[in-house]
Amino acid sequence: MRPTPYVASLRVYEPIDSFELNDQARWKEIKITESTGYEEQLRALKRTIISDSLMVRGDGAHIIDHDGKRYVAPWSTARRVWAALEDFKSSLPISVIPFFIPPSMEEAIREKGEVPENKVPHILTETWMIPPRWFSLFDPEERLRGANNGVPFTIARTELELAKKRCINAHMAVRKAFGPGPAEEEIIQLLNWLNVFDPRSKVELDYGGLAVYLDKLLRESGEDGLNADSSIEDVHHSIAGLSAGDGVMAGEGYERLVSRWRRVSSLEQAM
């Protein structure tokens, strides 16, 4: 079981030559056999128990080698922590925020220089669910699923330019069906994020620990575990329905997707 079993990730791996030379040298030393995903989550879990300066040790990265070339998705831990904190603060009344993070603590962290530059992270994460728009970036043939040391996993990986084209297609379908609104804006934000990176990059969806829960729930329903998961197909089915103006077709795909992942997200309340 993963240290943080309720997190799914969307990652962009840029070619190593698109980074600064000192980062290239450090990331060339990472062995492709190292479990960087496990290490990233283990460090995150430890920080919930022991306060560890994000600047004390060098940040890590996920690595893939493809056709003799290395691609890197830096963890960007400090940047993602601060982005999460700002999102959390924006969801609370101003009077409540100090109970979670005292102003003195935030000021001390800023004085130590631990507030990262305002750069876009290579990794997006979600807990207990996967946004439908993430699935729209991939085709079923790009999905790999199985078990690693007995632990179920699902990942999908594609070229950045293909992901962008599919994202644009999803945006056009949603805008045609619903017009401007929150759903359309979320897809625009995803496309803007993809546009930041080197066009030679790879995009990866990793179910993370959610694969374990989804596999178990599907088997309990008499299905063939992760092999029965059709989330990518369902999203494409729904998008095709929206593009054709077929509300029934669009609803079928969306309902299959939502009903499947609603069961996973409901486990949060059982923890």
Protein backbone atom coordinates (compact mmCIF):
# COMPACT_ATOMS: atom_id res chain seq x y z
CA MET A 1 0.00 0.00 0.00
CA ARG A 2 1.26 3.49 -0.82
CA PRO A 3 2.04 5.92 2.05
CA THR A 4 -0.67 8.34 0.85
CA PRO A 5 -3.18 5.99 -0.80
CA TYR A 6 -5.85 8.54 -1.71
CA VAL A 7 -3.89 10.73 -4.17
CA ALA A 8 -3.95 10.66 -7.98
CA SER A 9 -1.51 12.69 -10.10
CA LEU A 10 -1.32 14.33 -13.51
CA ARG A 11 2.31 14.89 -14.48
CA VAL A 12 4.22 16.55 -17.29
CA TYR A 13 7.67 15.15 -18.02
CA GLU A 14 9.87 17.61 -19.89
CA PRO A 15 13.03 16.60 -21.79
CA ILE A 16 16.00 16.84 -19.45
CA ASP A 17 17.75 19.28 -21.78
CA SER A 18 15.01 21.86 -21.15
CA PHE A 19 16.20 22.33 -17.54
CA GLU A 20 19.12 24.26 -16.10
CA LEU A 21 22.50 22.54 -16.20
CA ASN A 22 22.76 21.97 -12.44
CA ASP A 23 19.36 20.29 -12.40
CA GLN A 24 20.31 18.18 -15.43
CA ALA A 25 23.42 16.93 -13.63
CA ARG A 26 21.43 16.02 -10.50
CA TRP A 27 18.63 14.25 -12.34
CA LYS A 28 20.99 12.28 -14.58
CA GLU A 29 22.14 10.52 -11.40
CA ILE A 30 18.66 9.19 -10.59
CA LYS A 31 18.39 5.51 -11.52
CA ILE A 32 15.35 4.60 -13.55
CA THR A 33 14.75 1.71 -11.13
CA GLU A 34 14.31 4.04 -8.14
CA SER A 35 10.75 4.27 -6.79
CA THR A 36 10.44 8.06 -6.91
CA GLY A 37 6.66 7.92 -6.54
CA TYR A 38 6.92 6.01 -3.29
CA GLU A 39 9.69 8.31 -2.01
CA GLU A 40 7.70 11.46 -2.82
CA GLN A 41 4.65 10.22 -0.93
CA LEU A 42 6.71 8.95 2.00
CA ARG A 43 8.34 12.37 2.47
CA ALA A 44 4.91 14.03 2.28
CA LEU A 45 3.62 11.71 4.99
CA LYS A 46 6.64 12.37 7.23
CA ARG A 47 6.09 16.13 6.96
CA THR A 48 2.63 15.74 8.51
CA ILE A 49 4.40 14.45 11.64
CA ILE A 50 7.73 16.27 11.71
CA SER A 51 8.20 19.77 10.33
CA ASP A 52 10.93 19.51 7.71
CA SER A 53 12.22 22.57 5.91
CA LEU A 54 11.51 22.31 2.21
CA MET A 55 14.85 23.94 1.52
CA VAL A 56 17.02 21.66 3.65
CA ARG A 57 17.33 18.86 1.10
CA GLY A 58 17.23 19.02 -2.67
CA ASP A 59 13.82 18.34 -4.12
CA GLY A 60 13.29 15.12 -6.06
CA ALA A 61 11.84 14.30 -9.44
CA HIS A 62 10.05 11.55 -11.33
CA ILE A 63 12.03 10.12 -14.23
CA ILE A 64 11.18 8.22 -17.40
CA ASP A 65 13.56 7.12 -20.16
CA HIS A 66 12.09 6.77 -23.66
CA ASP A 67 13.92 6.06 -26.94
CA GLY A 68 17.24 6.83 -25.32
CA LYS A 69 16.08 10.19 -23.94
CA ARG A 70 15.38 11.17 -20.35
CA TYR A 71 12.27 13.06 -19.28
CA VAL A 72 11.80 14.71 -15.89
CA ALA A 73 8.82 15.79 -13.77
CA PRO A 74 10.22 17.71 -10.75
CA TRP A 75 8.27 17.28 -7.55
CA SER A 76 8.18 21.06 -6.99
CA THR A 77 7.23 20.28 -3.40
CA ALA A 78 7.49 23.79 -1.95
CA ARG A 79 5.54 25.32 -4.82
CA ARG A 80 2.74 22.76 -4.56
CA VAL A 81 2.55 23.07 -0.76
CA TRP A 82 2.12 26.83 -0.97
CA ALA A 83 -0.43 26.56 -3.77
CA ALA A 84 -2.42 24.07 -1.68
CA LEU A 85 -2.19 26.36 1.33
CA GLU A 86 -3.48 29.34 -0.63
CA ASP A 87 -6.39 27.26 -1.98
CA PHE A 88 -7.18 26.08 1.54
CA LYS A 89 -7.07 29.63 2.93
CA SER A 90 -9.36 30.88 0.17
CA SER A 91 -12.00 28.34 1.26
CA LEU A 92 -12.12 29.68 4.83
CA PRO A 93 -13.38 32.86 6.49
CA ILE A 94 -10.48 35.20 7.26
CA SER A 95 -11.21 35.00 10.97
CA VAL A 96 -10.72 31.20 10.97
CA ILE A 97 -7.41 31.02 9.05
CA PRO A 98 -5.14 31.82 12.08
CA PHE A 99 -6.40 28.70 13.86
CA PHE A 100 -4.85 26.56 11.11
CA ILE A 101 -1.69 28.53 10.35
CA PRO A 102 -0.71 31.36 12.72
CA PRO A 103 0.55 34.52 10.98
CA SER A 104 3.81 34.26 12.95
CA MET A 105 4.53 30.84 11.44
CA GLU A 106 3.81 32.00 7.90
CA GLU A 107 6.01 35.07 8.37
CA ALA A 108 8.86 32.93 9.75
CA ILE A 109 8.71 30.63 6.73
CA ARG A 110 8.78 33.61 4.37
CA GLU A 111 11.77 35.11 6.18
CA LYS A 112 13.69 31.84 5.71
CA GLY A 113 13.21 32.16 1.99
CA GLU A 114 11.09 29.01 1.69
CA VAL A 115 8.33 30.63 -0.35
CA PRO A 116 8.94 29.37 -3.91
CA GLU A 117 9.02 31.44 -7.05
CA ASN A 118 5.71 31.81 -8.81
CA LYS A 119 6.32 29.03 -11.34
CA VAL A 120 3.93 26.42 -12.66
CA PRO A 121 4.37 22.95 -11.11
CA HIS A 122 4.88 19.87 -13.29
CA ILE A 123 2.45 17.86 -11.15
CA LEU A 124 -1.23 18.32 -10.33
CA THR A 125 -2.85 16.17 -7.65
CA GLU A 126 -6.38 15.31 -6.55
CA THR A 127 -7.56 13.36 -3.53
CA TRP A 128 -10.23 10.66 -3.58
CA MET A 129 -11.23 11.32 -7.21
CA ILE A 130 -9.92 12.06 -10.70
CA PRO A 131 -11.39 15.04 -12.59
CA PRO A 132 -13.14 13.94 -15.81
CA ARG A 133 -11.13 16.47 -17.82
CA TRP A 134 -7.93 14.58 -16.97
CA PHE A 135 -9.24 11.46 -18.71
CA SER A 136 -9.98 13.46 -21.86
CA LEU A 137 -6.23 13.86 -22.51
CA PHE A 138 -5.68 10.15 -23.23
CA ASP A 139 -6.83 7.31 -25.47
CA PRO A 140 -7.56 3.83 -24.08
CA GLU A 141 -4.59 2.40 -26.03
CA GLU A 142 -2.26 4.64 -23.99
CA ARG A 143 -3.36 3.10 -20.69
CA LEU A 144 -1.33 0.53 -18.77
CA ARG A 145 -2.76 -1.36 -15.80
CA GLY A 146 -1.67 -4.30 -13.72
CA ALA A 147 -0.08 -5.05 -10.37
CA ASN A 148 3.36 -4.14 -9.02
CA ASN A 149 4.40 -6.42 -6.15
CA GLY A 150 0.75 -7.26 -5.72
CA VAL A 151 -0.40 -3.63 -5.63
CA PRO A 152 -2.83 -2.65 -8.44
CA PHE A 153 -1.90 0.35 -10.61
CA THR A 154 -3.19 2.27 -13.62
CA ILE A 155 -1.25 4.85 -15.59
CA ALA A 156 -1.82 6.49 -18.97
CA ARG A 157 0.87 8.31 -20.90
CA THR A 158 0.80 10.33 -24.11
CA GLU A 159 2.61 13.04 -26.08
CA LEU A 160 1.98 16.60 -24.89
CA GLU A 161 0.83 17.77 -28.33
CA LEU A 162 -1.76 14.97 -28.50
CA ALA A 163 -3.00 15.84 -25.01
CA LYS A 164 -3.41 19.48 -26.02
CA LYS A 165 -5.40 18.58 -29.14
CA ARG A 166 -7.73 16.38 -27.10
CA CYS A 167 -8.10 19.10 -24.49
CA ILE A 168 -9.09 21.60 -27.19
CA ASN A 169 -11.61 19.10 -28.58
CA ALA A 170 -13.12 18.63 -25.11
CA HIS A 171 -13.33 22.39 -24.63
CA MET A 172 -15.09 22.88 -27.96
CA ALA A 173 -17.62 20.16 -27.15
CA VAL A 174 -18.38 21.49 -23.67
CA ARG A 175 -18.65 25.09 -24.88
CA LYS A 176 -20.95 24.04 -27.73
CA ALA A 177 -23.22 22.17 -25.34
CA PHE A 178 -23.23 24.44 -22.30
CA GLY A 179 -21.68 27.74 -23.31
CA PRO A 180 -19.28 29.65 -21.04
CA GLY A 181 -19.25 28.45 -17.45
CA PRO A 182 -17.33 26.66 -14.70
CA ALA A 183 -16.87 23.39 -16.64
CA GLU A 184 -15.50 25.22 -19.66
CA GLU A 185 -13.21 27.37 -17.48
CA GLU A 186 -11.70 24.30 -15.82
CA ILE A 187 -10.77 22.87 -19.22
CA ILE A 188 -9.24 26.21 -20.27
CA GLN A 189 -7.12 26.21 -17.11
CA LEU A 190 -5.93 22.69 -17.91
CA LEU A 191 -5.01 23.71 -21.45
CA ASN A 192 -3.18 26.80 -20.19
CA TRP A 193 -1.19 24.56 -17.85
CA LEU A 194 -0.22 22.22 -20.69
CA ASN A 195 0.81 25.16 -22.87
CA VAL A 196 3.53 26.15 -20.39
CA PHE A 197 5.74 23.15 -21.10
CA ASP A 198 8.17 22.08 -23.80
CA PRO A 199 6.16 20.69 -26.76
CA ARG A 200 8.36 17.56 -26.71
CA SER A 201 7.06 16.64 -23.25
CA LYS A 202 5.09 13.59 -22.11
CA VAL A 203 1.87 13.73 -20.08
CA GLU A 204 1.04 11.03 -17.55
CA LEU A 205 -2.05 10.22 -15.50
CA ASP A 206 -1.30 8.07 -12.46
CA TYR A 207 -4.23 6.71 -10.44
CA GLY A 208 -1.81 6.37 -7.51
CA GLY A 209 -3.32 4.67 -4.48
CA LEU A 210 -6.84 5.19 -5.85
CA ALA A 211 -6.18 2.20 -8.12
CA VAL A 212 -6.21 -0.04 -5.05
CA TYR A 213 -9.64 1.18 -3.93
CA LEU A 214 -11.11 1.15 -7.42
CA ASP A 215 -9.86 -2.38 -8.08
CA LYS A 216 -11.37 -3.61 -4.80
CA LEU A 217 -14.74 -1.95 -5.39
CA LEU A 218 -15.03 -3.27 -8.93
CA ARG A 219 -14.21 -6.81 -7.79
CA GLU A 220 -16.81 -6.56 -5.03
CA SER A 221 -19.33 -5.74 -7.76
CA GLY A 222 -18.43 -8.91 -9.63
CA GLU A 223 -16.31 -7.14 -12.27
CA ASP A 224 -12.73 -7.86 -13.35
CA GLY A 225 -11.08 -5.23 -11.17
CA LEU A 226 -9.18 -2.48 -12.97
CA ASN A 227 -9.63 -4.31 -16.27
CA ALA A 228 -13.29 -3.28 -16.06
CA ASP A 229 -12.45 0.41 -15.60
CA SER A 230 -13.59 2.32 -18.70
CA SER A 231 -13.11 5.86 -17.41
CA ILE A 232 -11.21 7.08 -20.50
CA GLU A 233 -13.74 5.47 -22.83
CA ASP A 234 -16.64 6.95 -20.85
CA VAL A 235 -15.27 10.49 -21.08
CA HIS A 236 -14.67 10.19 -24.82
CA HIS A 237 -18.17 8.76 -25.24
CA SER A 238 -19.61 11.73 -23.37
CA ILE A 239 -17.55 14.24 -25.39
CA ALA A 240 -18.67 12.62 -28.64
CA GLY A 241 -22.26 12.95 -27.50
CA LEU A 242 -21.81 16.63 -26.68
CA SER A 243 -20.18 17.26 -30.07
CA ALA A 244 -23.06 15.53 -31.87
CA GLY A 245 -25.70 17.30 -29.81
CA ASP A 246 -26.83 13.94 -28.47
CA GLY A 247 -27.69 14.52 -24.81
CA VAL A 248 -28.56 10.86 -24.16
CA MET A 249 -25.20 9.67 -25.45
CA ALA A 250 -23.34 12.33 -23.46
CA GLY A 251 -25.26 11.45 -20.32
CA GLU A 252 -24.56 7.73 -20.64
CA GLY A 253 -20.80 8.17 -20.59
CA TYR A 254 -20.86 10.74 -17.83
CA GLU A 255 -23.16 8.70 -15.60
CA ARG A 256 -20.99 5.59 -15.92
CA LEU A 257 -17.91 7.62 -15.00
CA VAL A 258 -19.46 9.48 -12.08
CA SER A 259 -21.15 6.44 -10.55
CA ARG A 260 -17.86 4.54 -10.60
CA TRP A 261 -15.77 7.27 -8.99
CA ARG A 262 -18.49 8.33 -6.57
CA ARG A 263 -18.03 4.97 -4.87
CA VAL A 264 -14.31 5.63 -4.49
CA SER A 265 -14.75 9.16 -3.14
CA SER A 266 -17.35 7.94 -0.63
CA LEU A 267 -14.58 5.97 1.09
CA GLU A 268 -13.18 9.28 2.37
CA GLN A 269 -16.11 9.50 4.80
CA ALA A 270 -15.47 5.94 5.98
CA MET A 271 -11.87 6.65 6.99
